[in-house]
Amino acid sequence: MSKTKGLGQGVGLLFGEEEEDEKYFECNINKIIPNKYQPRTNFNSSDLQELADSISEKGVIQPLIVTSGLDDNFELIAGERRLRASKLAGLSHVPVVLLEIDNEDALLELALIENVQRTDLNAIEEAEAYKKLIEKFGYTQEETAKRVGKQRSTIANMLRLLKLPDLIKGDIANGLLTEGHGRALVKLVDDPLKLQEIRNLIIKNSLSVRQTEKIIKKASFTKPSTKRTNKPDSEEIPSSYKNSRVIQLTNRLNSKISIIQSGSRGKIEIEYYSHDDFDRVTELLLG
């Protein structure tokens, strides 16, 4: 069996084309090492258990795809959910197809493409996979779209989600916000206070994407007043420096921050939105 130098054979095997050189056998499950380039980080436990129950009843219908690893082990290319579920089901051996790859780049690309096309990655994991394809292999968005069989606009919209702060990306990854909410909130990345405020409104009131878009559109047309009423105290912190610190604290604590000045004195107010959020903020402050 000849080794795969490029991606032609690998992609064909992953996506259904017949391969004369494929090597099928039952592999000891303990000899299969998870793919180090696996882009998926969240595996729903109830979904895995359902798959494990199905495997217990019907077996593993679709073979896993592996490549040769160190010490007579095999490294997984495709099928991590099936591997995890098979372990839950108590299987000692699983069906595999061996694909010889001697190129780390090929292993990475196959793992990314296989996951994007075949599994239900959350939107942030999918966006990270596209980012890796672009950064690692120098693909354009158009080339990435062709590789994974999607529209270029889809790739562009997904990549925009990575501009969001970590808190909101976490909300999307955990299902607290949808991809549509994320695309709407991206418009506010330059206004972290407003972004945080609207994020909290969405979660508190279970706002739809359309409702969110209307609120953001209205917020975008609301311009802050530039009218100066009183001359600031000469000892006050300069407003530009204060605003900079507000943004830094907001990004650090993922909460709404207010700095209230009175001459050379003042106070910093930090908002929290639940008991759990209070614990989160205080733990950050206490280090």
Protein backbone atom coordinates (compact mmCIF):
# COMPACT_ATOMS: atom_id res chain seq x y z
CA MET A 1 0.00 0.00 0.00
CA SER A 2 1.50 3.30 -1.07
CA LYS A 3 1.73 6.17 1.37
CA THR A 4 -0.37 9.25 0.76
CA LYS A 5 1.88 12.17 -0.11
CA GLY A 6 -0.88 14.71 -0.66
CA LEU A 7 -4.54 15.00 0.20
CA GLY A 8 -6.15 13.44 -2.86
CA GLN A 9 -6.50 9.89 -1.56
CA GLY A 10 -7.34 11.01 1.95
CA VAL A 11 -10.13 13.33 0.95
CA GLY A 12 -11.53 10.73 -1.43
CA LEU A 13 -11.60 8.14 1.33
CA LEU A 14 -13.19 10.49 3.83
CA PHE A 15 -15.93 11.63 1.52
CA GLY A 16 -17.00 8.45 -0.20
CA GLU A 17 -14.85 7.81 -3.26
CA GLU A 18 -13.66 4.23 -3.64
CA GLU A 19 -10.01 3.56 -2.90
CA GLU A 20 -8.18 0.46 -4.04
CA ASP A 21 -5.53 0.83 -1.35
CA GLU A 22 -7.77 1.12 1.71
CA LYS A 23 -6.96 -1.33 4.52
CA TYR A 24 -9.87 -2.41 6.70
CA PHE A 25 -9.56 -4.36 9.97
CA GLU A 26 -10.84 -4.64 13.56
CA CYS A 27 -8.54 -2.58 15.79
CA ASN A 28 -7.95 -2.79 19.54
CA ILE A 29 -9.73 0.32 20.85
CA ASN A 30 -6.92 1.01 23.34
CA LYS A 31 -4.43 1.38 20.50
CA ILE A 32 -6.28 4.34 18.95
CA ILE A 33 -4.95 7.75 19.97
CA PRO A 34 -7.26 10.80 19.55
CA ASN A 35 -6.29 13.24 16.81
CA LYS A 36 -4.20 16.05 18.30
CA TYR A 37 -5.68 18.41 15.70
CA GLN A 38 -9.30 17.66 16.63
CA PRO A 39 -11.08 21.05 16.38
CA ARG A 40 -14.08 19.90 18.37
CA THR A 41 -13.88 20.62 22.11
CA ASN A 42 -17.49 20.10 23.24
CA PHE A 43 -18.95 16.59 23.27
CA ASN A 44 -22.50 16.47 24.63
CA SER A 45 -22.68 13.65 27.17
CA SER A 46 -26.33 12.75 26.48
CA ASP A 47 -25.70 12.59 22.71
CA LEU A 48 -22.67 10.37 23.30
CA GLN A 49 -24.74 8.07 25.50
CA GLU A 50 -27.42 7.80 22.81
CA LEU A 51 -24.75 6.87 20.27
CA ALA A 52 -23.23 4.39 22.73
CA ASP A 53 -26.66 2.74 23.19
CA SER A 54 -27.04 2.48 19.42
CA ILE A 55 -23.55 0.98 19.09
CA SER A 56 -24.33 -1.54 21.82
CA GLU A 57 -27.37 -2.67 19.83
CA LYS A 58 -26.14 -2.45 16.23
CA GLY A 59 -22.36 -2.12 16.43
CA VAL A 60 -20.20 0.53 14.74
CA ILE A 61 -21.74 0.82 11.28
CA GLN A 62 -19.23 3.30 9.82
CA PRO A 63 -15.52 2.50 10.32
CA LEU A 64 -13.19 4.99 11.97
CA ILE A 65 -10.34 6.31 9.85
CA VAL A 66 -6.85 6.09 11.33
CA THR A 67 -3.23 6.48 10.35
CA SER A 68 -0.16 4.72 11.73
CA GLY A 69 1.21 6.18 14.95
CA LEU A 70 4.09 5.49 17.31
CA ASP A 71 4.66 2.22 19.19
CA ASP A 72 2.24 0.21 17.05
CA ASN A 73 -0.58 2.59 17.89
CA PHE A 74 -2.90 4.35 15.45
CA GLU A 75 -3.80 8.04 15.35
CA LEU A 76 -7.41 8.93 14.67
CA ILE A 77 -8.23 10.99 11.59
CA ALA A 78 -12.02 10.78 11.62
CA GLY A 79 -14.63 9.46 14.03
CA GLU A 80 -13.88 10.73 17.54
CA ARG A 81 -17.54 10.64 18.57
CA ARG A 82 -17.74 7.01 17.46
CA LEU A 83 -14.52 6.26 19.35
CA ARG A 84 -15.78 7.85 22.58
CA ALA A 85 -19.19 6.22 22.28
CA SER A 86 -17.62 2.81 21.57
CA LYS A 87 -15.61 3.11 24.79
CA LEU A 88 -18.82 4.00 26.65
CA ALA A 89 -20.45 0.93 25.12
CA GLY A 90 -17.59 -1.21 26.42
CA LEU A 91 -16.26 -2.37 23.04
CA SER A 92 -12.75 -3.82 22.93
CA HIS A 93 -12.35 -3.57 19.14
CA VAL A 94 -13.77 -1.23 16.49
CA PRO A 95 -13.70 -1.35 12.68
CA VAL A 96 -11.14 0.99 11.13
CA VAL A 97 -9.76 1.92 7.76
CA LEU A 98 -6.01 2.58 7.74
CA LEU A 99 -4.90 5.55 5.69
CA GLU A 100 -1.13 5.99 5.52
CA ILE A 101 -0.14 9.64 5.93
CA ASP A 102 3.44 10.79 6.40
CA ASN A 103 2.63 14.50 6.43
CA GLU A 104 1.52 16.39 9.56
CA ASP A 105 -0.10 19.09 7.43
CA ALA A 106 -2.23 16.47 5.67
CA LEU A 107 -3.36 15.08 9.05
CA LEU A 108 -4.35 18.55 10.22
CA GLU A 109 -6.25 19.39 7.04
CA LEU A 110 -8.08 16.08 6.94
CA ALA A 111 -9.11 16.46 10.59
CA LEU A 112 -10.42 19.98 10.03
CA ILE A 113 -12.30 19.21 6.82
CA GLU A 114 -13.77 15.96 8.17
CA ASN A 115 -15.11 17.68 11.26
CA VAL A 116 -16.58 20.65 9.40
CA GLN A 117 -18.34 18.43 6.86
CA ARG A 118 -19.45 15.53 9.01
CA THR A 119 -20.12 16.61 12.58
CA ASP A 120 -22.19 19.23 14.39
CA LEU A 121 -19.43 21.54 15.56
CA ASN A 122 -20.71 24.58 17.39
CA ALA A 123 -20.33 27.86 15.51
CA ILE A 124 -17.16 28.94 17.35
CA GLU A 125 -15.42 25.59 16.80
CA GLU A 126 -16.36 25.73 13.13
CA ALA A 127 -15.03 29.28 12.81
CA GLU A 128 -11.77 28.26 14.49
CA ALA A 129 -11.44 25.37 12.03
CA TYR A 130 -11.80 27.77 9.08
CA LYS A 131 -9.26 30.10 10.66
CA LYS A 132 -6.74 27.26 10.99
CA LEU A 133 -7.20 26.26 7.36
CA ILE A 134 -6.61 29.84 6.24
CA GLU A 135 -3.64 30.53 8.52
CA LYS A 136 -1.91 27.16 8.21
CA PHE A 137 -2.31 26.58 4.49
CA GLY A 138 -2.63 30.14 3.20
CA TYR A 139 -6.07 29.53 1.70
CA THR A 140 -8.32 32.40 0.71
CA GLN A 141 -11.90 32.39 1.97
CA GLU A 142 -12.95 31.26 -1.51
CA GLU A 143 -10.53 28.33 -1.46
CA THR A 144 -11.62 27.37 2.05
CA ALA A 145 -15.25 27.41 0.93
CA LYS A 146 -14.47 25.06 -1.97
CA ARG A 147 -12.54 22.69 0.34
CA VAL A 148 -15.47 22.27 2.72
CA GLY A 149 -18.29 22.62 0.20
CA LYS A 150 -19.82 25.85 1.53
CA GLN A 151 -20.48 29.37 0.28
CA ARG A 152 -17.74 31.98 0.70
CA SER A 153 -20.22 34.26 2.48
CA THR A 154 -20.78 31.49 5.05
CA ILE A 155 -17.05 31.33 5.75
CA ALA A 156 -16.82 35.13 6.05
CA ASN A 157 -19.77 35.30 8.47
CA MET A 158 -18.36 32.52 10.64
CA LEU A 159 -14.92 34.15 10.84
CA ARG A 160 -16.48 37.42 12.04
CA LEU A 161 -17.68 35.61 15.17
CA LEU A 162 -14.05 35.30 16.30
CA LYS A 163 -13.96 39.09 16.79
CA LEU A 164 -16.34 38.74 19.74
CA PRO A 165 -14.99 38.78 23.33
CA ASP A 166 -14.36 35.42 24.99
CA LEU A 167 -17.48 35.65 27.19
CA ILE A 168 -19.82 35.90 24.22
CA LYS A 169 -17.94 33.27 22.22
CA GLY A 170 -18.42 31.03 25.24
CA ASP A 171 -22.15 31.83 25.27
CA ILE A 172 -22.39 30.73 21.62
CA ALA A 173 -20.31 27.59 22.17
CA ASN A 174 -22.52 26.61 25.12
CA GLY A 175 -25.79 27.36 23.35
CA LEU A 176 -26.71 30.36 25.49
CA LEU A 177 -26.66 32.54 22.37
CA THR A 178 -27.15 31.46 18.77
CA GLU A 179 -24.86 32.04 15.82
CA GLY A 180 -27.41 34.62 14.60
CA HIS A 181 -27.14 36.53 17.88
CA GLY A 182 -23.37 36.47 17.49
CA ARG A 183 -23.47 37.87 13.95
CA ALA A 184 -25.67 40.72 15.19
CA LEU A 185 -23.47 41.46 18.22
CA VAL A 186 -20.30 41.64 16.10
CA LYS A 187 -21.46 45.11 15.02
CA LEU A 188 -20.84 46.32 18.59
CA VAL A 189 -17.30 44.99 19.14
CA ASP A 190 -15.96 48.55 19.25
CA ASP A 191 -18.40 49.44 22.04
CA PRO A 192 -17.82 46.79 24.74
CA LEU A 193 -20.18 48.43 27.27
CA LYS A 194 -23.10 48.42 24.85
CA LEU A 195 -22.15 44.92 23.70
CA GLN A 196 -22.25 43.63 27.28
CA GLU A 197 -25.52 45.46 27.97
CA ILE A 198 -27.32 43.98 24.95
CA ARG A 199 -25.87 40.51 25.59
CA ASN A 200 -27.40 40.63 29.07
CA LEU A 201 -30.74 41.79 27.65
CA ILE A 202 -30.81 38.90 25.17
CA ILE A 203 -30.23 36.32 27.89
CA LYS A 204 -32.51 37.93 30.48
CA ASN A 205 -35.46 38.38 28.10
CA SER A 206 -34.81 35.46 25.71
CA LEU A 207 -34.71 37.87 22.76
CA SER A 208 -34.89 36.50 19.24
CA VAL A 209 -32.25 37.35 16.64
CA ARG A 210 -34.68 39.78 14.94
CA GLN A 211 -35.39 41.55 18.23
CA THR A 212 -31.66 41.76 18.89
CA GLU A 213 -31.01 43.27 15.47
CA LYS A 214 -33.68 45.93 16.07
CA ILE A 215 -32.13 46.89 19.43
CA ILE A 216 -28.64 47.08 17.90
CA LYS A 217 -29.90 49.17 14.98
CA LYS A 218 -31.54 51.58 17.40
CA ALA A 219 -28.40 51.74 19.54
CA SER A 220 -26.27 52.48 16.48
CA PHE A 221 -28.34 55.60 15.74
CA THR A 222 -28.16 56.86 19.32
CA LYS A 223 -25.30 59.32 19.50
CA PRO A 224 -23.84 60.34 22.84
CA SER A 225 -24.33 63.96 23.87
CA THR A 226 -21.32 66.20 23.32
CA LYS A 227 -22.71 69.09 25.38
CA ARG A 228 -20.37 70.25 28.17
CA THR A 229 -22.18 71.59 31.24
CA ASN A 230 -19.47 72.18 33.82
CA LYS A 231 -15.74 72.62 33.53
CA PRO A 232 -14.11 69.48 34.93
CA ASP A 233 -12.09 69.74 38.13
CA SER A 234 -8.40 70.11 37.32
CA GLU A 235 -7.66 67.19 39.66
CA GLU A 236 -10.04 64.78 37.92
CA ILE A 237 -8.69 61.87 35.87
CA PRO A 238 -8.65 62.87 32.18
CA SER A 239 -11.75 61.47 30.44
CA SER A 240 -9.74 59.74 27.71
CA TYR A 241 -7.67 57.87 30.30
CA LYS A 242 -10.78 57.03 32.35
CA ASN A 243 -12.59 55.67 29.27
CA SER A 244 -9.56 53.57 28.39
CA ARG A 245 -9.55 52.05 31.86
CA VAL A 246 -13.31 51.38 31.67
CA ILE A 247 -12.80 49.43 28.44
CA GLN A 248 -9.88 47.47 29.91
CA LEU A 249 -11.84 46.58 33.06
CA THR A 250 -14.91 45.64 31.03
CA ASN A 251 -12.88 43.28 28.86
CA ARG A 252 -11.16 41.82 31.92
CA LEU A 253 -14.27 41.28 34.07
CA ASN A 254 -16.92 40.91 31.33
CA SER A 255 -19.21 43.14 33.38
CA LYS A 256 -20.47 46.71 33.06
CA ILE A 257 -18.02 49.10 34.75
CA SER A 258 -18.68 52.70 35.86
CA ILE A 259 -16.10 55.17 37.17
CA ILE A 260 -17.69 58.04 39.13
CA GLN A 261 -15.39 60.98 39.85
CA SER A 262 -15.50 63.75 42.42
CA GLY A 263 -12.37 65.84 42.14
CA SER A 264 -9.39 63.63 42.88
CA ARG A 265 -11.63 61.04 44.52
CA GLY A 266 -14.21 58.65 43.11
CA LYS A 267 -15.44 55.10 42.98
CA ILE A 268 -15.53 52.16 40.59
CA GLU A 269 -18.83 50.31 40.24
CA ILE A 270 -18.99 46.75 38.90
CA GLU A 271 -22.34 45.27 37.93
CA TYR A 272 -23.24 41.57 38.27
CA TYR A 273 -26.32 39.82 36.98
CA SER A 274 -26.86 36.75 39.14
CA HIS A 275 -25.43 34.94 42.16
CA ASP A 276 -23.22 32.89 39.86
CA ASP A 277 -22.05 36.04 38.10
CA PHE A 278 -21.26 37.64 41.49
CA ASP A 279 -19.10 34.62 42.35
CA ARG A 280 -17.37 34.83 38.96
CA VAL A 281 -16.54 38.53 39.33
CA THR A 282 -15.33 38.24 42.92
CA GLU A 283 -13.13 35.26 42.04
CA LEU A 284 -11.51 37.33 39.27
CA LEU A 285 -10.92 40.22 41.68
CA LEU A 286 -9.47 37.94 44.33
CA GLY A 287 -7.19 36.24 41.82
